[in-house]
PDB file of all heavy atoms in Angstrom:
ATOM      1  N   ASP A   1       3.191   9.493   5.598  1.00  0.00           N
ATOM      2  CA  ASP A   1       3.611  10.325   6.735  1.00  0.00           C
ATOM      3  C   ASP A   1       5.140  10.267   6.746  1.00  0.00           C
ATOM      4  O   ASP A   1       5.680   9.274   7.220  1.00  0.00           O
ATOM      5  CB  ASP A   1       2.941   9.779   8.021  1.00  0.00           C
ATOM      6  CG  ASP A   1       3.281  10.755   9.229  1.00  0.00           C
ATOM      7  OD1 ASP A   1       4.308  11.422   9.118  1.00  0.00           O
ATOM      8  OD2 ASP A   1       2.554  10.704  10.183  1.00  0.00           O
ATOM      9  N   ASN A   2       5.794  11.311   6.191  1.00  0.00           N
ATOM     10  CA  ASN A   2       7.243  11.274   6.103  1.00  0.00           C
ATOM     11  C   ASN A   2       7.874  11.251   7.552  1.00  0.00           C
ATOM     12  O   ASN A   2       8.958  10.692   7.669  1.00  0.00           O
ATOM     13  CB  ASN A   2       7.737  12.484   5.320  1.00  0.00           C
ATOM     14  CG  ASN A   2       7.466  12.331   3.863  1.00  0.00           C
ATOM     15  OD1 ASN A   2       7.345  11.240   3.362  1.00  0.00           O
ATOM     16  ND2 ASN A   2       7.314  13.390   3.133  1.00  0.00           N
ATOM     17  N   ALA A   3       7.228  11.882   8.475  1.00  0.00           N
ATOM     18  CA  ALA A   3       7.848  11.848   9.842  1.00  0.00           C
ATOM     19  C   ALA A   3       7.858  10.496  10.416  1.00  0.00           C
ATOM     20  O   ALA A   3       8.765  10.107  11.233  1.00  0.00           O
ATOM     21  CB  ALA A   3       7.040  12.863  10.742  1.00  0.00           C
ATOM     22  N   LYS A   4       6.945   9.699  10.055  1.00  0.00           N
ATOM     23  CA  LYS A   4       6.844   8.253  10.593  1.00  0.00           C
ATOM     24  C   LYS A   4       7.378   7.252   9.532  1.00  0.00           C
ATOM     25  O   LYS A   4       7.320   6.049   9.830  1.00  0.00           O
ATOM     26  CB  LYS A   4       5.385   7.946  10.849  1.00  0.00           C
ATOM     27  CG  LYS A   4       4.805   8.735  11.972  1.00  0.00           C
ATOM     28  CD  LYS A   4       3.362   8.309  12.359  1.00  0.00           C
ATOM     29  CE  LYS A   4       2.719   9.103  13.414  1.00  0.00           C
ATOM     30  NZ  LYS A   4       1.345   8.756  13.749  1.00  0.00           N
ATOM     31  N   ASN A   5       7.845   7.744   8.416  1.00  0.00           N
ATOM     32  CA  ASN A   5       8.275   6.857   7.306  1.00  0.00           C
ATOM     33  C   ASN A   5       7.306   5.727   7.112  1.00  0.00           C
ATOM     34  O   ASN A   5       7.626   4.534   6.960  1.00  0.00           O
ATOM     35  CB  ASN A   5       9.639   6.186   7.693  1.00  0.00           C
ATOM     36  CG  ASN A   5      10.745   7.221   7.742  1.00  0.00           C
ATOM     37  OD1 ASN A   5      10.885   8.104   6.907  1.00  0.00           O
ATOM     38  ND2 ASN A   5      11.583   7.155   8.830  1.00  0.00           N
ATOM     39  N   THR A   6       6.012   6.157   7.014  1.00  0.00           N
ATOM     40  CA  THR A   6       4.963   5.131   6.836  1.00  0.00           C
ATOM     41  C   THR A   6       4.149   5.522   5.610  1.00  0.00           C
ATOM     42  O   THR A   6       3.898   6.727   5.381  1.00  0.00           O
ATOM     43  CB  THR A   6       4.081   5.076   8.054  1.00  0.00           C
ATOM     44  OG1 THR A   6       4.874   4.745   9.213  1.00  0.00           O
ATOM     45  CG2 THR A   6       2.892   4.074   7.884  1.00  0.00           C
ATOM     46  N   VAL A   7       3.759   4.579   4.799  1.00  0.00           N
ATOM     47  CA  VAL A   7       2.889   4.692   3.633  1.00  0.00           C
ATOM     48  C   VAL A   7       1.577   3.916   3.854  1.00  0.00           C
ATOM     49  O   VAL A   7       1.598   2.879   4.506  1.00  0.00           O
ATOM     50  CB  VAL A   7       3.552   4.249   2.348  1.00  0.00           C
ATOM     51  CG1 VAL A   7       3.909   2.806   2.393  1.00  0.00           C
ATOM     52  CG2 VAL A   7       2.757   4.647   1.159  1.00  0.00           C
ATOM     53  N   TYR A   8       0.500   4.568   3.472  1.00  0.00           N
ATOM     54  CA  TYR A   8      -0.840   3.930   3.601  1.00  0.00           C
ATOM     55  C   TYR A   8      -1.437   3.785   2.187  1.00  0.00           C
ATOM     56  O   TYR A   8      -1.142   4.642   1.312  1.00  0.00           O
ATOM     57  CB  TYR A   8      -1.753   4.804   4.502  1.00  0.00           C
ATOM     58  CG  TYR A   8      -1.082   5.191   5.790  1.00  0.00           C
ATOM     59  CD1 TYR A   8      -0.414   6.421   5.906  1.00  0.00           C
ATOM     60  CD2 TYR A   8      -1.213   4.412   6.866  1.00  0.00           C
ATOM     61  CE1 TYR A   8       0.201   6.811   7.079  1.00  0.00           C
ATOM     62  CE2 TYR A   8      -0.594   4.761   8.098  1.00  0.00           C
ATOM     63  CZ  TYR A   8       0.092   6.051   8.222  1.00  0.00           C
ATOM     64  OH  TYR A   8       0.567   6.380   9.398  1.00  0.00           O
ATOM     65  N   VAL A   9      -2.365   2.830   2.149  1.00  0.00           N
ATOM     66  CA  VAL A   9      -3.225   2.849   0.975  1.00  0.00           C
ATOM     67  C   VAL A   9      -4.664   2.592   1.496  1.00  0.00           C
ATOM     68  O   VAL A   9      -4.877   1.510   2.136  1.00  0.00           O
ATOM     69  CB  VAL A   9      -2.795   1.778  -0.112  1.00  0.00           C
ATOM     70  CG1 VAL A   9      -2.734   0.451   0.405  1.00  0.00           C
ATOM     71  CG2 VAL A   9      -3.706   2.014  -1.410  1.00  0.00           C
ATOM     72  N   GLN A  10      -5.519   3.505   1.189  1.00  0.00           N
ATOM     73  CA  GLN A  10      -6.898   3.243   1.514  1.00  0.00           C
ATOM     74  C   GLN A  10      -7.561   2.587   0.395  1.00  0.00           C
ATOM     75  O   GLN A  10      -7.549   3.258  -0.805  1.00  0.00           O
ATOM     76  CB  GLN A  10      -7.574   4.581   1.895  1.00  0.00           C
ATOM     77  CG  GLN A  10      -9.121   4.536   2.155  1.00  0.00           C
ATOM     78  CD  GLN A  10      -9.419   3.755   3.467  1.00  0.00           C
ATOM     79  OE1 GLN A  10      -8.706   3.876   4.405  1.00  0.00           O
ATOM     80  NE2 GLN A  10     -10.464   2.943   3.371  1.00  0.00           N
ATOM     81  N   MET A  11      -8.229   1.485   0.486  1.00  0.00           N
ATOM     82  CA  MET A  11      -8.806   0.767  -0.581  1.00  0.00           C
ATOM     83  C   MET A  11     -10.276   0.652  -0.336  1.00  0.00           C
ATOM     84  O   MET A  11     -10.820   0.068   0.559  1.00  0.00           O
ATOM     85  CB  MET A  11      -8.230  -0.623  -0.671  1.00  0.00           C
ATOM     86  CG  MET A  11      -6.745  -0.654  -0.738  1.00  0.00           C
ATOM     87  SD  MET A  11      -6.018  -2.302  -1.047  1.00  0.00           S
ATOM     88  CE  MET A  11      -6.387  -3.109   0.489  1.00  0.00           C
ATOM     89  N   ASN A  12     -11.050   1.337  -1.257  1.00  0.00           N
ATOM     90  CA  ASN A  12     -12.480   1.426  -1.181  1.00  0.00           C
ATOM     91  C   ASN A  12     -13.048   0.704  -2.394  1.00  0.00           C
ATOM     92  O   ASN A  12     -12.386   0.435  -3.370  1.00  0.00           O
ATOM     93  CB  ASN A  12     -12.976   2.914  -1.155  1.00  0.00           C
ATOM     94  CG  ASN A  12     -12.480   3.634   0.051  1.00  0.00           C
ATOM     95  OD1 ASN A  12     -12.331   3.091   1.136  1.00  0.00           O
ATOM     96  ND2 ASN A  12     -12.320   4.861  -0.084  1.00  0.00           N
ATOM     97  N   SER A  13     -14.359   0.403  -2.292  1.00  0.00           N
ATOM     98  CA  SER A  13     -15.057  -0.304  -3.441  1.00  0.00           C
ATOM     99  C   SER A  13     -14.349  -1.546  -3.929  1.00  0.00           C
ATOM    100  O   SER A  13     -14.151  -1.686  -5.102  1.00  0.00           O
ATOM    101  CB  SER A  13     -15.321   0.696  -4.497  1.00  0.00           C
ATOM    102  OG  SER A  13     -16.045   1.809  -4.083  1.00  0.00           O
ATOM    103  N   LEU A  14     -13.876  -2.443  -3.005  1.00  0.00           N
ATOM    104  CA  LEU A  14     -13.048  -3.479  -3.358  1.00  0.00           C
ATOM    105  C   LEU A  14     -13.779  -4.507  -4.160  1.00  0.00           C
ATOM    106  O   LEU A  14     -15.010  -4.676  -3.974  1.00  0.00           O
ATOM    107  CB  LEU A  14     -12.461  -4.152  -2.094  1.00  0.00           C
ATOM    108  CG  LEU A  14     -11.311  -3.391  -1.467  1.00  0.00           C
ATOM    109  CD1 LEU A  14     -11.068  -3.838  -0.010  1.00  0.00           C
ATOM    110  CD2 LEU A  14     -10.058  -3.594  -2.314  1.00  0.00           C
ATOM    111  N   LYS A  15     -13.110  -5.069  -5.094  1.00  0.00           N
ATOM    112  CA  LYS A  15     -13.679  -6.081  -5.995  1.00  0.00           C
ATOM    113  C   LYS A  15     -12.980  -7.358  -5.786  1.00  0.00           C
ATOM    114  O   LYS A  15     -11.830  -7.420  -5.328  1.00  0.00           O
ATOM    115  CB  LYS A  15     -13.483  -5.647  -7.422  1.00  0.00           C
ATOM    116  CG  LYS A  15     -14.014  -4.251  -7.748  1.00  0.00           C
ATOM    117  CD  LYS A  15     -13.615  -3.872  -9.144  1.00  0.00           C
ATOM    118  CE  LYS A  15     -14.202  -2.500  -9.472  1.00  0.00           C
ATOM    119  NZ  LYS A  15     -13.823  -2.056 -10.951  1.00  0.00           N
ATOM    120  N   PRO A  16     -13.605  -8.519  -6.081  1.00  0.00           N
ATOM    121  CA  PRO A  16     -12.905  -9.853  -5.991  1.00  0.00           C
ATOM    122  C   PRO A  16     -11.609  -9.857  -6.740  1.00  0.00           C
ATOM    123  O   PRO A  16     -10.664 -10.501  -6.277  1.00  0.00           O
ATOM    124  CB  PRO A  16     -13.916 -10.828  -6.676  1.00  0.00           C
ATOM    125  CG  PRO A  16     -15.304 -10.154  -6.310  1.00  0.00           C
ATOM    126  CD  PRO A  16     -15.002  -8.662  -6.471  1.00  0.00           C
ATOM    127  N   GLU A  17     -11.511  -9.125  -7.841  1.00  0.00           N
ATOM    128  CA  GLU A  17     -10.213  -9.161  -8.591  1.00  0.00           C
ATOM    129  C   GLU A  17      -9.093  -8.355  -7.933  1.00  0.00           C
ATOM    130  O   GLU A  17      -7.991  -8.298  -8.319  1.00  0.00           O
ATOM    131  CB  GLU A  17     -10.511  -8.646  -9.974  1.00  0.00           C
ATOM    132  CG  GLU A  17     -11.222  -7.286 -10.109  1.00  0.00           C
ATOM    133  CD  GLU A  17     -12.645  -7.503 -10.382  1.00  0.00           C
ATOM    134  OE1 GLU A  17     -13.323  -8.354  -9.731  1.00  0.00           O
ATOM    135  OE2 GLU A  17     -13.195  -6.636 -11.206  1.00  0.00           O
ATOM    136  N   ASP A  18      -9.424  -7.670  -6.855  1.00  0.00           N
ATOM    137  CA  ASP A  18      -8.360  -7.043  -6.024  1.00  0.00           C
ATOM    138  C   ASP A  18      -7.730  -8.006  -5.050  1.00  0.00           C
ATOM    139  O   ASP A  18      -6.734  -7.652  -4.418  1.00  0.00           O
ATOM    140  CB  ASP A  18      -9.048  -5.888  -5.203  1.00  0.00           C
ATOM    141  CG  ASP A  18      -9.502  -4.729  -6.065  1.00  0.00           C
ATOM    142  OD1 ASP A  18      -8.762  -4.342  -7.069  1.00  0.00           O
ATOM    143  OD2 ASP A  18     -10.559  -4.214  -5.758  1.00  0.00           O
ATOM    144  N   SER A  19      -8.323  -9.155  -4.920  1.00  0.00           N
ATOM    145  CA  SER A  19      -7.671 -10.203  -4.049  1.00  0.00           C
ATOM    146  C   SER A  19      -6.272 -10.564  -4.453  1.00  0.00           C
ATOM    147  O   SER A  19      -6.053 -10.878  -5.664  1.00  0.00           O
ATOM    148  CB  SER A  19      -8.560 -11.541  -4.031  1.00  0.00           C
ATOM    149  OG  SER A  19      -9.857 -11.185  -3.537  1.00  0.00           O
ATOM    150  N   ALA A  20      -5.294 -10.482  -3.538  1.00  0.00           N
ATOM    151  CA  ALA A  20      -3.946 -10.723  -3.806  1.00  0.00           C
ATOM    152  C   ALA A  20      -3.170 -10.621  -2.561  1.00  0.00           C
ATOM    153  O   ALA A  20      -3.674 -10.150  -1.596  1.00  0.00           O
ATOM    154  CB  ALA A  20      -3.424  -9.768  -4.923  1.00  0.00           C
ATOM    155  N   VAL A  21      -1.936 -11.009  -2.649  1.00  0.00           N
ATOM    156  CA  VAL A  21      -0.926 -10.576  -1.651  1.00  0.00           C
ATOM    157  C   VAL A  21      -0.390  -9.177  -1.974  1.00  0.00           C
ATOM    158  O   VAL A  21       0.051  -8.970  -3.118  1.00  0.00           O
ATOM    159  CB  VAL A  21       0.220 -11.620  -1.446  1.00  0.00           C
ATOM    160  CG1 VAL A  21       1.174 -11.157  -0.414  1.00  0.00           C
ATOM    161  CG2 VAL A  21      -0.319 -12.999  -1.202  1.00  0.00           C
ATOM    162  N   TYR A  22      -0.488  -8.344  -1.031  1.00  0.00           N
ATOM    163  CA  TYR A  22      -0.056  -6.913  -1.312  1.00  0.00           C
ATOM    164  C   TYR A  22       1.367  -6.760  -0.624  1.00  0.00           C
ATOM    165  O   TYR A  22       1.460  -7.061   0.551  1.00  0.00           O
ATOM    166  CB  TYR A  22      -1.084  -5.962  -0.718  1.00  0.00           C
ATOM    167  CG  TYR A  22      -2.201  -5.732  -1.621  1.00  0.00           C
ATOM    168  CD1 TYR A  22      -3.163  -6.803  -1.872  1.00  0.00           C
ATOM    169  CD2 TYR A  22      -2.464  -4.600  -2.389  1.00  0.00           C
ATOM    170  CE1 TYR A  22      -4.219  -6.659  -2.660  1.00  0.00           C
ATOM    171  CE2 TYR A  22      -3.504  -4.449  -3.203  1.00  0.00           C
ATOM    172  CZ  TYR A  22      -4.457  -5.497  -3.340  1.00  0.00           C
ATOM    173  OH  TYR A  22      -5.480  -5.344  -4.175  1.00  0.00           O
ATOM    174  N   TYR A  23       2.236  -6.193  -1.397  1.00  0.00           N
ATOM    175  CA  TYR A  23       3.610  -5.994  -0.863  1.00  0.00           C
ATOM    176  C   TYR A  23       3.957  -4.513  -0.929  1.00  0.00           C
ATOM    177  O   TYR A  23       3.733  -3.801  -1.853  1.00  0.00           O
ATOM    178  CB  TYR A  23       4.625  -6.712  -1.792  1.00  0.00           C
ATOM    179  CG  TYR A  23       4.491  -8.233  -1.814  1.00  0.00           C
ATOM    180  CD1 TYR A  23       3.710  -8.850  -2.736  1.00  0.00           C
ATOM    181  CD2 TYR A  23       5.166  -9.056  -0.894  1.00  0.00           C
ATOM    182  CE1 TYR A  23       3.542 -10.248  -2.859  1.00  0.00           C
ATOM    183  CE2 TYR A  23       5.105 -10.360  -0.963  1.00  0.00           C
ATOM    184  CZ  TYR A  23       4.297 -11.015  -1.904  1.00  0.00           C
ATOM    185  OH  TYR A  23       4.130 -12.375  -1.970  1.00  0.00           O
ATOM    186  N   CYS A  24       4.631  -4.118   0.119  1.00  0.00           N
ATOM    187  CA  CYS A  24       5.215  -2.762   0.158  1.00  0.00           C
ATOM    188  C   CYS A  24       6.518  -2.728  -0.380  1.00  0.00           C
ATOM    189  O   CYS A  24       7.312  -3.632  -0.118  1.00  0.00           O
ATOM    190  CB  CYS A  24       5.116  -2.302   1.709  1.00  0.00           C
ATOM    191  SG  CYS A  24       5.879  -0.696   1.976  1.00  0.00           S
ATOM    192  N   LYS A  25       6.888  -1.732  -1.019  1.00  0.00           N
ATOM    193  CA  LYS A  25       8.235  -1.577  -1.533  1.00  0.00           C
ATOM    194  C   LYS A  25       8.795  -0.184  -1.305  1.00  0.00           C
ATOM    195  O   LYS A  25       8.147   0.851  -1.389  1.00  0.00           O
ATOM    196  CB  LYS A  25       8.256  -1.742  -3.119  1.00  0.00           C
ATOM    197  CG  LYS A  25       9.574  -1.621  -3.859  1.00  0.00           C
ATOM    198  CD  LYS A  25       9.498  -1.762  -5.293  1.00  0.00           C
ATOM    199  CE  LYS A  25      10.816  -1.518  -5.999  1.00  0.00           C
ATOM    200  NZ  LYS A  25      10.659  -1.576  -7.487  1.00  0.00           N
ATOM    201  N   TYR A  26       9.976  -0.129  -0.888  1.00  0.00           N
ATOM    202  CA  TYR A  26      10.753   1.093  -0.642  1.00  0.00           C
ATOM    203  C   TYR A  26      11.955   1.134  -1.614  1.00  0.00           C
ATOM    204  O   TYR A  26      12.703   0.225  -1.843  1.00  0.00           O
ATOM    205  CB  TYR A  26      11.391   1.089   0.825  1.00  0.00           C
ATOM    206  CG  TYR A  26      12.364   2.172   1.064  1.00  0.00           C
ATOM    207  CD1 TYR A  26      12.026   3.364   1.616  1.00  0.00           C
ATOM    208  CD2 TYR A  26      13.773   1.926   0.827  1.00  0.00           C
ATOM    209  CE1 TYR A  26      12.991   4.334   1.877  1.00  0.00           C
ATOM    210  CE2 TYR A  26      14.624   2.874   0.965  1.00  0.00           C
ATOM    211  CZ  TYR A  26      14.325   4.111   1.553  1.00  0.00           C
ATOM    212  OH  TYR A  26      15.195   5.043   1.783  1.00  0.00           O
ATOM    213  N   SER A  27      12.041   2.319  -2.314  1.00  0.00           N
ATOM    214  CA  SER A  27      13.112   2.600  -3.243  1.00  0.00           C
ATOM    215  C   SER A  27      13.769   3.926  -2.816  1.00  0.00           C
ATOM    216  O   SER A  27      13.223   4.858  -2.766  1.00  0.00           O
ATOM    217  CB  SER A  27      12.547   2.614  -4.673  1.00  0.00           C
ATOM    218  OG  SER A  27      11.913   1.477  -5.078  1.00  0.00           O
ATOM    219  N   GLY A  28      15.140   3.738  -2.594  1.00  0.00           N
ATOM    220  CA  GLY A  28      15.870   4.920  -2.273  1.00  0.00           C
ATOM    221  C   GLY A  28      17.407   4.633  -2.260  1.00  0.00           C
ATOM    222  O   GLY A  28      17.793   3.538  -1.985  1.00  0.00           O
ATOM    223  N   ASN A  29      18.150   5.654  -2.675  1.00  0.00           N
ATOM    224  CA  ASN A  29      19.639   5.462  -2.762  1.00  0.00           C
ATOM    225  C   ASN A  29      19.982   4.346  -3.648  1.00  0.00           C
ATOM    226  O   ASN A  29      20.861   3.577  -3.314  1.00  0.00           O
ATOM    227  CB  ASN A  29      20.199   5.346  -1.390  1.00  0.00           C
ATOM    228  CG  ASN A  29      21.639   5.687  -1.300  1.00  0.00           C
ATOM    229  OD1 ASN A  29      22.178   6.369  -2.193  1.00  0.00           O
ATOM    230  ND2 ASN A  29      22.384   5.047  -0.350  1.00  0.00           N
TER     231      ASN A  29
END
């Protein structure tokens, strides 16, 4: 949502191998 400067990730059918620490990254300028 660019108006809110927010990014989402919907994660479905999760598997044990998806277990991790998830980090958000912003790249600009």
